[in-house]
């Protein structure tokens, strides 16, 4: 079973459209702090399994 830090996600910002592949800890940081490009708040809907 994969740990949260090993899981990969595809993040797509709903505001600026930026797409990046991230891991679990980065997903948590983006949920807390917003898009790393434009700072827009994001929800779980912005992430898909990679």
N, C-alpha and C. Protein backbone atom coordinates (compact mmCIF):
# COMPACT_ATOMS: atom_id res chain seq x y z
N UNK A 1 0.85 -1.19 0.00
CA UNK A 1 0.00 0.00 0.00
C UNK A 1 0.89 1.25 0.00
N UNK A 2 0.55 2.20 -0.84
CA UNK A 2 1.34 3.43 -0.95
C UNK A 2 1.06 4.35 0.23
N UNK A 3 2.11 4.98 0.75
CA UNK A 3 1.91 5.99 1.77
C UNK A 3 1.47 7.29 1.08
N UNK A 4 0.89 8.19 1.85
CA UNK A 4 0.39 9.45 1.29
C UNK A 4 1.49 10.23 0.58
N UNK A 5 2.71 10.19 1.12
CA UNK A 5 3.79 10.96 0.51
C UNK A 5 4.25 10.37 -0.82
N UNK A 6 3.96 9.10 -1.07
CA UNK A 6 4.38 8.45 -2.30
C UNK A 6 3.34 8.59 -3.42
N UNK A 7 2.11 8.91 -3.07
CA UNK A 7 1.06 9.05 -4.08
C UNK A 7 1.35 10.26 -4.95
N UNK A 8 1.04 10.12 -6.22
CA UNK A 8 1.23 11.22 -7.17
C UNK A 8 -0.13 11.75 -7.60
N UNK A 9 -0.22 13.06 -7.76
CA UNK A 9 -1.45 13.72 -8.16
C UNK A 9 -1.16 14.69 -9.30
N UNK A 10 -2.16 14.94 -10.10
CA UNK A 10 -2.10 15.98 -11.12
C UNK A 10 -2.94 17.13 -10.57
N UNK A 11 -2.30 18.26 -10.34
CA UNK A 11 -3.00 19.45 -9.85
C UNK A 11 -3.30 20.36 -11.02
N UNK A 12 -4.53 20.83 -11.11
CA UNK A 12 -4.93 21.81 -12.12
C UNK A 12 -5.61 22.97 -11.39
N UNK A 13 -5.02 24.15 -11.48
CA UNK A 13 -5.60 25.33 -10.83
C UNK A 13 -6.87 25.75 -11.56
N UNK A 14 -7.97 25.95 -10.83
CA UNK A 14 -9.21 26.37 -11.47
C UNK A 14 -9.18 27.81 -11.97
N UNK A 15 -8.23 28.61 -11.47
CA UNK A 15 -8.16 30.02 -11.86
C UNK A 15 -7.18 30.25 -13.01
N UNK A 16 -5.92 29.82 -12.83
CA UNK A 16 -4.91 30.13 -13.85
C UNK A 16 -4.66 28.98 -14.82
N UNK A 17 -5.19 27.79 -14.51
CA UNK A 17 -5.05 26.65 -15.42
C UNK A 17 -3.71 25.93 -15.33
N UNK A 18 -2.84 26.35 -14.42
CA UNK A 18 -1.54 25.69 -14.26
C UNK A 18 -1.73 24.22 -13.92
N UNK A 19 -0.99 23.34 -14.58
CA UNK A 19 -1.03 21.91 -14.29
C UNK A 19 0.35 21.45 -13.87
N UNK A 20 0.42 20.77 -12.71
CA UNK A 20 1.69 20.22 -12.25
C UNK A 20 1.44 18.87 -11.59
N UNK A 21 2.43 17.99 -11.68
CA UNK A 21 2.37 16.71 -10.99
C UNK A 21 3.01 16.90 -9.62
N UNK A 22 2.31 16.45 -8.58
CA UNK A 22 2.76 16.67 -7.22
C UNK A 22 2.64 15.38 -6.41
N UNK A 23 3.22 15.39 -5.19
CA UNK A 23 3.07 14.26 -4.28
C UNK A 23 2.12 14.64 -3.13
N UNK A 24 1.90 13.72 -2.20
CA UNK A 24 0.97 13.95 -1.10
C UNK A 24 1.26 15.18 -0.26
N UNK A 25 2.51 15.35 0.22
CA UNK A 25 2.80 16.54 1.04
C UNK A 25 2.61 17.85 0.27
N UNK A 26 2.93 17.86 -1.01
CA UNK A 26 2.71 19.08 -1.82
C UNK A 26 1.22 19.34 -1.96
N UNK A 27 0.41 18.28 -2.11
CA UNK A 27 -1.04 18.42 -2.20
C UNK A 27 -1.58 19.09 -0.93
N UNK A 28 -1.11 18.62 0.22
CA UNK A 28 -1.53 19.20 1.50
C UNK A 28 -1.17 20.68 1.57
N UNK A 29 0.04 21.02 1.14
CA UNK A 29 0.49 22.42 1.17
C UNK A 29 -0.35 23.29 0.24
N UNK A 30 -0.68 22.78 -0.95
CA UNK A 30 -1.49 23.56 -1.89
C UNK A 30 -2.90 23.74 -1.36
N UNK A 31 -3.47 22.71 -0.73
CA UNK A 31 -4.80 22.85 -0.13
C UNK A 31 -4.79 23.92 0.97
N UNK A 32 -3.70 24.01 1.72
CA UNK A 32 -3.59 24.99 2.81
C UNK A 32 -3.29 26.39 2.31
N UNK A 33 -2.42 26.50 1.30
CA UNK A 33 -1.88 27.79 0.88
C UNK A 33 -2.38 28.31 -0.46
N UNK A 34 -3.06 27.47 -1.22
CA UNK A 34 -3.53 27.88 -2.54
C UNK A 34 -2.55 27.54 -3.64
N UNK A 35 -2.91 27.88 -4.85
CA UNK A 35 -2.08 27.60 -6.03
C UNK A 35 -0.69 28.22 -5.86
N UNK A 36 0.37 27.44 -6.15
CA UNK A 36 1.72 28.00 -6.02
C UNK A 36 2.04 29.06 -7.07
N UNK A 37 1.23 29.18 -8.10
CA UNK A 37 1.46 30.18 -9.15
C UNK A 37 0.67 31.46 -8.87
N UNK A 38 -0.65 31.32 -8.63
CA UNK A 38 -1.50 32.52 -8.50
C UNK A 38 -2.12 32.71 -7.11
N UNK A 39 -1.90 31.77 -6.20
CA UNK A 39 -2.38 31.84 -4.81
C UNK A 39 -3.88 31.69 -4.64
N UNK A 40 -4.61 31.32 -5.70
CA UNK A 40 -6.05 31.09 -5.58
C UNK A 40 -6.31 29.90 -4.68
N UNK A 41 -7.31 29.99 -3.81
CA UNK A 41 -7.70 28.87 -2.98
C UNK A 41 -8.20 27.73 -3.86
N UNK A 42 -7.87 26.50 -3.47
CA UNK A 42 -8.28 25.33 -4.24
C UNK A 42 -8.95 24.31 -3.33
N UNK A 43 -9.67 23.36 -3.93
CA UNK A 43 -10.34 22.30 -3.19
C UNK A 43 -9.86 20.95 -3.70
N UNK A 44 -10.38 19.89 -3.11
CA UNK A 44 -10.03 18.53 -3.54
C UNK A 44 -10.33 18.31 -5.02
N UNK A 45 -11.29 19.05 -5.57
CA UNK A 45 -11.66 18.90 -6.98
C UNK A 45 -10.53 19.27 -7.93
N UNK A 46 -9.52 19.97 -7.44
CA UNK A 46 -8.40 20.42 -8.28
C UNK A 46 -7.33 19.35 -8.46
N UNK A 47 -7.51 18.19 -7.84
CA UNK A 47 -6.51 17.13 -7.87
C UNK A 47 -7.09 15.85 -8.47
N UNK A 48 -6.28 15.19 -9.28
CA UNK A 48 -6.65 13.89 -9.85
C UNK A 48 -5.46 12.95 -9.67
N UNK A 49 -5.73 11.66 -9.49
CA UNK A 49 -4.60 10.72 -9.42
C UNK A 49 -3.76 10.80 -10.68
N UNK A 50 -2.45 10.77 -10.53
CA UNK A 50 -1.56 10.85 -11.70
C UNK A 50 -1.34 9.48 -12.28
